[in-house]
């Protein structure tokens, strides 16, 4: 049997027959026959998760970590861009109800 190189490469990466068939627009039986000709086992669930980059839990958000000087500079630049260069900077207590929502 003639083996397609693109199918063989995806099989070796651990993709499932259905995934390979969908990516390469071919039948699952074609992929299954190729897998059988190469004498490679079917992809198990763990390999499927790794190979197909299944979504996982996102990385936790990092705290801001801005210094007071960086925050002040950012506020000045923001005020200058909207045309109110002398606007007072809001305090945390003013934003508490908004942040709690």
C-alpha atoms as a PDB file:
ATOM      1  CA  UNK A   1       0.000   0.000   0.000  1.00  0.00           C
ATOM      2  CA  UNK A   2       1.202   3.489  -0.842  1.00  0.00           C
ATOM      3  CA  UNK A   3       1.355   5.630   2.311  1.00  0.00           C
ATOM      4  CA  UNK A   4       0.703   9.357   2.218  1.00  0.00           C
ATOM      5  CA  UNK A   5       3.491  11.217   3.994  1.00  0.00           C
ATOM      6  CA  UNK A   6       1.196  13.867   5.470  1.00  0.00           C
ATOM      7  CA  UNK A   7      -1.057  11.233   7.043  1.00  0.00           C
ATOM      8  CA  UNK A   8       1.921   9.294   8.365  1.00  0.00           C
ATOM      9  CA  UNK A   9       3.389  12.446   9.943  1.00  0.00           C
ATOM     10  CA  UNK A  10       0.173  13.269  11.788  1.00  0.00           C
ATOM     11  CA  UNK A  11      -0.215   9.666  12.940  1.00  0.00           C
ATOM     12  CA  UNK A  12       3.292   9.740  14.379  1.00  0.00           C
ATOM     13  CA  UNK A  13       2.462  13.006  16.175  1.00  0.00           C
ATOM     14  CA  UNK A  14      -0.363  11.183  17.944  1.00  0.00           C
ATOM     15  CA  UNK A  15      -3.463  12.601  16.254  1.00  0.00           C
ATOM     16  CA  UNK A  16      -6.661  10.560  16.035  1.00  0.00           C
ATOM     17  CA  UNK A  17      -8.022   9.183  12.786  1.00  0.00           C
ATOM     18  CA  UNK A  18     -10.958  11.608  12.859  1.00  0.00           C
ATOM     19  CA  UNK A  19      -8.678  14.579  13.484  1.00  0.00           C
ATOM     20  CA  UNK A  20      -6.358  13.634  10.637  1.00  0.00           C
ATOM     21  CA  UNK A  21      -9.258  13.031   8.258  1.00  0.00           C
ATOM     22  CA  UNK A  22     -10.746  16.433   9.067  1.00  0.00           C
ATOM     23  CA  UNK A  23      -7.428  18.249   8.668  1.00  0.00           C
ATOM     24  CA  UNK A  24      -6.451  16.609   5.394  1.00  0.00           C
ATOM     25  CA  UNK A  25      -9.932  16.274   3.895  1.00  0.00           C
ATOM     26  CA  UNK A  26      -9.767  12.513   3.479  1.00  0.00           C
ATOM     27  CA  UNK A  27     -11.728   9.575   4.834  1.00  0.00           C
ATOM     28  CA  UNK A  28     -11.211   8.031   8.237  1.00  0.00           C
ATOM     29  CA  UNK A  29     -10.839   4.630   6.568  1.00  0.00           C
ATOM     30  CA  UNK A  30      -7.888   5.978   4.571  1.00  0.00           C
ATOM     31  CA  UNK A  31      -6.257   7.086   7.791  1.00  0.00           C
ATOM     32  CA  UNK A  32      -7.079   3.778   9.507  1.00  0.00           C
ATOM     33  CA  UNK A  33      -5.559   1.782   6.649  1.00  0.00           C
ATOM     34  CA  UNK A  34      -2.443   3.950   6.738  1.00  0.00           C
ATOM     35  CA  UNK A  35      -2.164   3.448  10.503  1.00  0.00           C
ATOM     36  CA  UNK A  36      -2.538  -0.309  10.009  1.00  0.00           C
ATOM     37  CA  UNK A  37       0.076  -0.356   7.222  1.00  0.00           C
ATOM     38  CA  UNK A  38       2.532   1.482   9.464  1.00  0.00           C
ATOM     39  CA  UNK A  39       1.675  -0.898  12.320  1.00  0.00           C
ATOM     40  CA  UNK A  40       1.070   2.015  14.695  1.00  0.00           C
ATOM     41  CA  UNK A  41      -1.513   1.851  17.490  1.00  0.00           C
ATOM     42  CA  UNK A  42      -4.496   4.180  17.741  1.00  0.00           C
ATOM     43  CA  UNK A  43      -4.044   7.455  19.559  1.00  0.00           C
ATOM     44  CA  UNK A  44      -4.971   7.209  23.220  1.00  0.00           C
ATOM     45  CA  UNK A  45      -6.809   9.994  25.022  1.00  0.00           C
ATOM     46  CA  UNK A  46      -3.694  11.483  26.616  1.00  0.00           C
ATOM     47  CA  UNK A  47      -1.854  11.682  23.297  1.00  0.00           C
ATOM     48  CA  UNK A  48      -4.988  13.127  21.727  1.00  0.00           C
ATOM     49  CA  UNK A  49      -5.095  15.902  24.304  1.00  0.00           C
ATOM     50  CA  UNK A  50      -1.437  16.765  23.819  1.00  0.00           C
ATOM     51  CA  UNK A  51      -1.392  16.459  20.034  1.00  0.00           C
ATOM     52  CA  UNK A  52      -4.542  18.423  19.347  1.00  0.00           C
ATOM     53  CA  UNK A  53      -3.734  21.124  21.891  1.00  0.00           C
ATOM     54  CA  UNK A  54      -6.974  20.728  23.801  1.00  0.00           C
ATOM     55  CA  UNK A  55      -7.863  23.803  25.796  1.00  0.00           C
ATOM     56  CA  UNK A  56      -6.615  23.725  29.336  1.00  0.00           C
ATOM     57  CA  UNK A  57      -7.046  25.975  32.327  1.00  0.00           C
ATOM     58  CA  UNK A  58      -5.667  29.443  31.566  1.00  0.00           C
ATOM     59  CA  UNK A  59      -2.654  30.810  33.356  1.00  0.00           C
ATOM     60  CA  UNK A  60      -3.579  32.737  36.492  1.00  0.00           C
ATOM     61  CA  UNK A  61      -3.710  36.489  36.106  1.00  0.00           C
ATOM     62  CA  UNK A  62      -0.616  38.308  37.235  1.00  0.00           C
ATOM     63  CA  UNK A  63      -0.951  41.197  39.670  1.00  0.00           C
ATOM     64  CA  UNK A  64      -0.417  44.625  38.214  1.00  0.00           C
ATOM     65  CA  UNK A  65       2.920  45.249  39.821  1.00  0.00           C
ATOM     66  CA  UNK A  66       3.125  48.881  38.680  1.00  0.00           C
ATOM     67  CA  UNK A  67       5.087  51.219  40.875  1.00  0.00           C
ATOM     68  CA  UNK A  68       3.462  54.417  42.096  1.00  0.00           C
ATOM     69  CA  UNK A  69       5.608  56.404  39.642  1.00  0.00           C
ATOM     70  CA  UNK A  70       4.462  54.240  36.717  1.00  0.00           C
ATOM     71  CA  UNK A  71       0.829  54.670  37.762  1.00  0.00           C
ATOM     72  CA  UNK A  72       1.250  58.446  38.007  1.00  0.00           C
ATOM     73  CA  UNK A  73       2.957  58.631  34.602  1.00  0.00           C
ATOM     74  CA  UNK A  74       0.224  56.521  33.049  1.00  0.00           C
ATOM     75  CA  UNK A  75      -2.489  58.750  34.541  1.00  0.00           C
ATOM     76  CA  UNK A  76      -0.761  61.888  33.238  1.00  0.00           C
ATOM     77  CA  UNK A  77      -0.446  60.411  29.748  1.00  0.00           C
ATOM     78  CA  UNK A  78      -4.100  59.333  29.797  1.00  0.00           C
ATOM     79  CA  UNK A  79      -5.291  62.772  30.904  1.00  0.00           C
ATOM     80  CA  UNK A  80      -3.151  64.473  28.279  1.00  0.00           C
ATOM     81  CA  UNK A  81      -4.546  62.234  25.532  1.00  0.00           C
ATOM     82  CA  UNK A  82      -8.173  63.092  26.363  1.00  0.00           C
ATOM     83  CA  UNK A  83      -7.488  66.804  26.812  1.00  0.00           C
ATOM     84  CA  UNK A  84      -7.765  67.160  30.604  1.00  0.00           C
ATOM     85  CA  UNK A  85      -4.155  67.446  31.765  1.00  0.00           C
ATOM     86  CA  UNK A  86      -4.972  68.655  35.296  1.00  0.00           C
ATOM     87  CA  UNK A  87      -7.715  66.133  36.141  1.00  0.00           C
ATOM     88  CA  UNK A  88      -7.437  64.688  39.650  1.00  0.00           C
ATOM     89  CA  UNK A  89      -6.669  61.024  39.885  1.00  0.00           C
ATOM     90  CA  UNK A  90      -9.493  58.942  41.420  1.00  0.00           C
ATOM     91  CA  UNK A  91      -8.796  57.112  44.644  1.00  0.00           C
ATOM     92  CA  UNK A  92      -9.459  53.454  45.356  1.00  0.00           C
ATOM     93  CA  UNK A  93     -12.421  54.320  47.590  1.00  0.00           C
ATOM     94  CA  UNK A  94     -14.107  56.193  44.729  1.00  0.00           C
ATOM     95  CA  UNK A  95     -13.839  53.107  42.501  1.00  0.00           C
ATOM     96  CA  UNK A  96     -14.858  50.517  45.126  1.00  0.00           C
ATOM     97  CA  UNK A  97     -18.542  50.248  44.055  1.00  0.00           C
ATOM     98  CA  UNK A  98     -17.547  50.011  40.395  1.00  0.00           C
ATOM     99  CA  UNK A  99     -14.876  47.371  41.036  1.00  0.00           C
ATOM    100  CA  UNK A 100     -17.226  45.285  43.199  1.00  0.00           C
ATOM    101  CA  UNK A 101     -19.719  44.861  40.327  1.00  0.00           C
END
